[in-house]
PDB file of N, CA and C in Angstrom:
ATOM      1  N   MET A   1      62.234-157.106-163.059  1.00  0.00           N
ATOM      2  CA  MET A   1      61.787-158.441-163.367  1.00  0.00           C
ATOM      3  C   MET A   1      61.745-159.273-162.093  1.00  0.00           C
ATOM      4  N   ARG A   2      60.731-160.057-161.939  1.00  0.00           N
ATOM      5  CA  ARG A   2      60.520-160.850-160.724  1.00  0.00           C
ATOM      6  C   ARG A   2      61.642-161.863-160.482  1.00  0.00           C
ATOM      7  N   ILE A   3      62.103-162.529-161.500  1.00  0.00           N
ATOM      8  CA  ILE A   3      63.153-163.539-161.347  1.00  0.00           C
ATOM      9  C   ILE A   3      64.423-162.911-160.784  1.00  0.00           C
ATOM     10  N   LYS A   4      64.796-161.744-161.272  1.00  0.00           N
ATOM     11  CA  LYS A   4      66.001-161.079-160.775  1.00  0.00           C
ATOM     12  C   LYS A   4      65.880-160.777-159.286  1.00  0.00           C
ATOM     13  N   ARG A   5      64.688-160.354-158.851  1.00  0.00           N
ATOM     14  CA  ARG A   5      64.479-160.037-157.440  1.00  0.00           C
ATOM     15  C   ARG A   5      64.567-161.297-156.582  1.00  0.00           C
ATOM     16  N   LEU A   6      64.072-162.427-157.092  1.00  0.00           N
ATOM     17  CA  LEU A   6      64.110-163.676-156.342  1.00  0.00           C
ATOM     18  C   LEU A   6      65.512-164.271-156.285  1.00  0.00           C
ATOM     19  N   VAL A   7      66.253-164.145-157.359  1.00  0.00           N
ATOM     20  CA  VAL A   7      67.562-164.767-157.458  1.00  0.00           C
ATOM     21  C   VAL A   7      68.642-163.936-156.779  1.00  0.00           C
ATOM     22  N   LYS A   8      68.476-162.654-156.680  1.00  0.00           N
ATOM     23  CA  LYS A   8      69.508-161.757-156.147  1.00  0.00           C
ATOM     24  C   LYS A   8      70.088-162.197-154.797  1.00  0.00           C
ATOM     25  N   PRO A   9      69.263-162.642-153.802  1.00  0.00           N
ATOM     26  CA  PRO A   9      69.853-163.061-152.530  1.00  0.00           C
ATOM     27  C   PRO A   9      70.821-164.236-152.677  1.00  0.00           C
ATOM     28  N   GLY A  10      70.616-165.099-153.676  1.00  0.00           N
ATOM     29  CA  GLY A  10      71.490-166.241-153.867  1.00  0.00           C
ATOM     30  C   GLY A  10      72.466-166.022-155.000  1.00  0.00           C
ATOM     31  N   LEU A  11      73.062-164.848-155.043  1.00  0.00           N
ATOM     32  CA  LEU A  11      73.885-164.433-156.174  1.00  0.00           C
ATOM     33  C   LEU A  11      74.889-165.468-156.678  1.00  0.00           C
ATOM     34  N   GLY A  12      75.394-166.298-155.822  1.00  0.00           N
ATOM     35  CA  GLY A  12      76.444-167.209-156.273  1.00  0.00           C
ATOM     36  C   GLY A  12      75.964-168.596-156.616  1.00  0.00           C
ATOM     37  N   PHE A  13      75.428-168.793-157.813  1.00  0.00           N
ATOM     38  CA  PHE A  13      75.160-170.149-158.270  1.00  0.00           C
ATOM     39  C   PHE A  13      76.512-170.784-158.554  1.00  0.00           C
ATOM     40  N   PHE A  14      76.736-171.964-158.015  1.00  0.00           N
ATOM     41  CA  PHE A  14      78.052-172.581-158.157  1.00  0.00           C
ATOM     42  C   PHE A  14      78.203-173.346-159.462  1.00  0.00           C
ATOM     43  N   SER A  15      77.084-173.657-160.098  1.00  0.00           N
ATOM     44  CA  SER A  15      77.175-174.355-161.377  1.00  0.00           C
ATOM     45  C   SER A  15      75.971-174.017-162.231  1.00  0.00           C
ATOM     46  N   PHE A  16      76.095-174.317-163.504  1.00  0.00           N
ATOM     47  CA  PHE A  16      74.980-174.106-164.414  1.00  0.00           C
ATOM     48  C   PHE A  16      73.796-174.963-164.003  1.00  0.00           C
ATOM     49  N   GLU A  17      74.059-176.181-163.558  1.00  0.00           N
ATOM     50  CA  GLU A  17      72.999-177.106-163.147  1.00  0.00           C
ATOM     51  C   GLU A  17      72.192-176.528-161.979  1.00  0.00           C
ATOM     52  N   THR A  18      72.852-175.951-161.002  1.00  0.00           N
ATOM     53  CA  THR A  18      72.171-175.348-159.865  1.00  0.00           C
ATOM     54  C   THR A  18      71.292-174.184-160.305  1.00  0.00           C
ATOM     55  N   ALA A  19      71.824-173.342-161.161  1.00  0.00           N
ATOM     56  CA  ALA A  19      71.055-172.205-161.661  1.00  0.00           C
ATOM     57  C   ALA A  19      69.841-172.694-162.450  1.00  0.00           C
ATOM     58  N   TRP A  20      70.027-173.678-163.307  1.00  0.00           N
ATOM     59  CA  TRP A  20      68.952-174.219-164.134  1.00  0.00           C
ATOM     60  C   TRP A  20      67.823-174.780-163.264  1.00  0.00           C
ATOM     61  N   ARG A  21      68.161-175.578-162.264  1.00  0.00           N
ATOM     62  CA  ARG A  21      67.147-176.164-161.384  1.00  0.00           C
ATOM     63  C   ARG A  21      66.391-175.097-160.599  1.00  0.00           C
ATOM     64  N   THR A  22      67.117-174.132-160.083  1.00  0.00           N
ATOM     65  CA  THR A  22      66.483-173.073-159.297  1.00  0.00           C
ATOM     66  C   THR A  22      65.496-172.288-160.146  1.00  0.00           C
ATOM     67  N   LEU A  23      65.885-171.912-161.352  1.00  0.00           N
ATOM     68  CA  LEU A  23      64.995-171.157-162.221  1.00  0.00           C
ATOM     69  C   LEU A  23      63.781-171.984-162.635  1.00  0.00           C
ATOM     70  N   GLN A  24      63.968-173.270-162.855  1.00  0.00           N
ATOM     71  CA  GLN A  24      62.832-174.142-163.172  1.00  0.00           C
ATOM     72  C   GLN A  24      61.837-174.162-162.014  1.00  0.00           C
ATOM     73  N   GLU A  25      62.346-174.268-160.800  1.00  0.00           N
ATOM     74  CA  GLU A  25      61.469-174.303-159.629  1.00  0.00           C
ATOM     75  C   GLU A  25      60.697-172.999-159.482  1.00  0.00           C
ATOM     76  N   TYR A  26      61.356-171.858-159.702  1.00  0.00           N
ATOM     77  CA  TYR A  26      60.654-170.578-159.653  1.00  0.00           C
ATOM     78  C   TYR A  26      59.531-170.530-160.689  1.00  0.00           C
ATOM     79  N   GLU A  27      59.823-171.004-161.895  1.00  0.00           N
ATOM     80  CA  GLU A  27      58.823-170.983-162.957  1.00  0.00           C
ATOM     81  C   GLU A  27      57.643-171.901-162.639  1.00  0.00           C
ATOM     82  N   ILE A  28      57.914-173.065-162.088  1.00  0.00           N
ATOM     83  CA  ILE A  28      56.844-173.993-161.714  1.00  0.00           C
ATOM     84  C   ILE A  28      55.951-173.375-160.652  1.00  0.00           C
ATOM     85  N   MET A  29      56.556-172.741-159.652  1.00  0.00           N
ATOM     86  CA  MET A  29      55.768-172.130-158.580  1.00  0.00           C
ATOM     87  C   MET A  29      54.921-170.984-159.132  1.00  0.00           C
ATOM     88  N   ASN A  30      55.452-170.194-160.063  1.00  0.00           N
ATOM     89  CA  ASN A  30      54.678-169.117-160.673  1.00  0.00           C
ATOM     90  C   ASN A  30      53.511-169.664-161.479  1.00  0.00           C
ATOM     91  N   MET A  31      53.750-170.747-162.215  1.00  0.00           N
ATOM     92  CA  MET A  31      52.681-171.347-163.003  1.00  0.00           C
ATOM     93  C   MET A  31      51.571-171.879-162.102  1.00  0.00           C
ATOM     94  N   LEU A  32      51.933-172.480-160.977  1.00  0.00           N
ATOM     95  CA  LEU A  32      50.923-172.952-160.022  1.00  0.00           C
ATOM     96  C   LEU A  32      50.118-171.784-159.465  1.00  0.00           C
ATOM     97  N   ARG A  33      50.823-170.725-159.095  1.00  0.00           N
ATOM     98  CA  ARG A  33      50.165-169.552-158.519  1.00  0.00           C
ATOM     99  C   ARG A  33      49.168-168.938-159.489  1.00  0.00           C
ATOM    100  N   LYS A  34      49.507-168.953-160.784  1.00  0.00           N
ATOM    101  CA  LYS A  34      48.635-168.374-161.799  1.00  0.00           C
ATOM    102  C   LYS A  34      47.552-169.334-162.281  1.00  0.00           C
ATOM    103  N   GLY A  35      47.621-170.598-161.863  1.00  0.00           N
ATOM    104  CA  GLY A  35      46.631-171.576-162.291  1.00  0.00           C
ATOM    105  C   GLY A  35      46.879-172.095-163.693  1.00  0.00           C
ATOM    106  N   GLN A  36      48.130-172.148-164.117  1.00  0.00           N
ATOM    107  CA  GLN A  36      48.466-172.553-165.470  1.00  0.00           C
ATOM    108  C   GLN A  36      48.844-174.025-165.590  1.00  0.00           C
ATOM    109  N   MET A  37      48.841-174.762-164.495  1.00  0.00           N
ATOM    110  CA  MET A  37      49.196-176.174-164.538  1.00  0.00           C
ATOM    111  C   MET A  37      47.973-177.001-164.877  1.00  0.00           C
ATOM    112  N   GLN A  38      48.134-177.896-165.813  1.00  0.00           N
ATOM    113  CA  GLN A  38      47.035-178.752-166.225  1.00  0.00           C
ATOM    114  C   GLN A  38      46.819-179.821-165.148  1.00  0.00           C
ATOM    115  N   GLY A  39      45.588-179.980-164.724  1.00  0.00           N
ATOM    116  CA  GLY A  39      45.242-180.982-163.723  1.00  0.00           C
ATOM    117  C   GLY A  39      45.296-180.476-162.291  1.00  0.00           C
ATOM    118  N   VAL A  40      45.767-179.247-162.083  1.00  0.00           N
ATOM    119  CA  VAL A  40      45.816-178.657-160.745  1.00  0.00           C
ATOM    120  C   VAL A  40      45.158-177.292-160.824  1.00  0.00           C
ATOM    121  N   ARG A  41      44.019-177.144-160.160  1.00  0.00           N
ATOM    122  CA  ARG A  41      43.310-175.859-160.188  1.00  0.00           C
ATOM    123  C   ARG A  41      44.006-174.834-159.298  1.00  0.00           C
ATOM    124  N   LYS A  42      43.803-173.587-159.626  1.00  0.00           N
ATOM    125  CA  LYS A  42      44.412-172.474-158.886  1.00  0.00           C
ATOM    126  C   LYS A  42      43.971-172.454-157.423  1.00  0.00           C
ATOM    127  N   ASP A  43      42.724-172.815-157.155  1.00  0.00           N
ATOM    128  CA  ASP A  43      42.195-172.743-155.788  1.00  0.00           C
ATOM    129  C   ASP A  43      42.251-174.080-155.048  1.00  0.00           C
ATOM    130  N   ASP A  44      42.890-175.093-155.622  1.00  0.00           N
ATOM    131  CA  ASP A  44      42.985-176.418-155.003  1.00  0.00           C
ATOM    132  C   ASP A  44      44.320-176.551-154.275  1.00  0.00           C
ATOM    133  N   VAL A  45      44.349-176.104-153.030  1.00  0.00           N
ATOM    134  CA  VAL A  45      45.593-176.092-152.261  1.00  0.00           C
ATOM    135  C   VAL A  45      46.107-177.508-152.033  1.00  0.00           C
ATOM    136  N   ASN A  46      45.232-178.432-151.670  1.00  0.00           N
ATOM    137  CA  ASN A  46      45.675-179.808-151.433  1.00  0.00           C
ATOM    138  C   ASN A  46      46.230-180.437-152.710  1.00  0.00           C
ATOM    139  N   GLY A  47      45.616-180.154-153.836  1.00  0.00           N
ATOM    140  CA  GLY A  47      46.120-180.646-155.112  1.00  0.00           C
ATOM    141  C   GLY A  47      47.493-180.078-155.436  1.00  0.00           C
ATOM    142  N   GLN A  48      47.703-178.802-155.127  1.00  0.00           N
ATOM    143  CA  GLN A  48      48.996-178.172-155.365  1.00  0.00           C
ATOM    144  C   GLN A  48      50.069-178.792-154.471  1.00  0.00           C
ATOM    145  N   ILE A  49      49.730-179.037-153.212  1.00  0.00           N
ATOM    146  CA  ILE A  49      50.675-179.655-152.283  1.00  0.00           C
ATOM    147  C   ILE A  49      51.073-181.036-152.779  1.00  0.00           C
ATOM    148  N   PHE A  50      50.090-181.819-153.202  1.00  0.00           N
ATOM    149  CA  PHE A  50      50.361-183.156-153.717  1.00  0.00           C
ATOM    150  C   PHE A  50      51.229-183.089-154.972  1.00  0.00           C
ATOM    151  N   PHE A  51      50.918-182.165-155.864  1.00  0.00           N
ATOM    152  CA  PHE A  51      51.683-182.003-157.101  1.00  0.00           C
ATOM    153  C   PHE A  51      53.142-181.652-156.804  1.00  0.00           C
ATOM    154  N   ILE A  52      53.362-180.691-155.926  1.00  0.00           N
ATOM    155  CA  ILE A  52      54.718-180.262-155.578  1.00  0.00           C
ATOM    156  C   ILE A  52      55.483-181.393-154.904  1.00  0.00           C
ATOM    157  N   SER A  53      54.822-182.128-154.017  1.00  0.00           N
ATOM    158  CA  SER A  53      55.507-183.220-153.328  1.00  0.00           C
ATOM    159  C   SER A  53      55.934-184.304-154.313  1.00  0.00           C
ATOM    160  N   ARG A  54      55.097-184.602-155.311  1.00  0.00           N
ATOM    161  CA  ARG A  54      55.484-185.582-156.332  1.00  0.00           C
ATOM    162  C   ARG A  54      56.590-185.038-157.226  1.00  0.00           C
ATOM    163  N   LEU A  55      56.475-183.789-157.604  1.00  0.00           N
ATOM    164  CA  LEU A  55      57.432-183.184-158.523  1.00  0.00           C
ATOM    165  C   LEU A  55      58.836-183.101-157.936  1.00  0.00           C
ATOM    166  N   PHE A  56      58.931-182.662-156.686  1.00  0.00           N
ATOM    167  CA  PHE A  56      60.232-182.463-156.058  1.00  0.00           C
ATOM    168  C   PHE A  56      60.657-183.635-155.169  1.00  0.00           C
ATOM    169  N   GLY A  57      59.825-184.670-155.090  1.00  0.00           N
ATOM    170  CA  GLY A  57      60.183-185.844-154.292  1.00  0.00           C
ATOM    171  C   GLY A  57      60.166-185.599-152.802  1.00  0.00           C
ATOM    172  N   ILE A  58      59.219-184.799-152.352  1.00  0.00           N
ATOM    173  CA  ILE A  58      59.102-184.445-150.948  1.00  0.00           C
ATOM    174  C   ILE A  58      58.012-185.299-150.317  1.00  0.00           C
ATOM    175  N   ALA A  59      58.320-185.928-149.187  1.00  0.00           N
ATOM    176  CA  ALA A  59      57.313-186.733-148.480  1.00  0.00           C
ATOM    177  C   ALA A  59      56.470-185.811-147.611  1.00  0.00           C
ATOM    178  N   ILE A  60      55.156-185.978-147.699  1.00  0.00           N
ATOM    179  CA  ILE A  60      54.256-185.146-146.874  1.00  0.00           C
ATOM    180  C   ILE A  60      53.565-185.979-145.836  1.00  0.00           C
TER     181      ILE A  60
END
């Protein structure tokens, strides 16, 4: 399973909250990669960057 392979390097989640947030972020990135996000096309890189920056509160 892909999630197990991604999470394995960070084996020690210190809390349930940390694990929950990390898994949510993995799922969001997979949905973007597959083009499953409404309002953001699969081939719109600038739109994806803008979406991620708003979602995670990252200044670009």
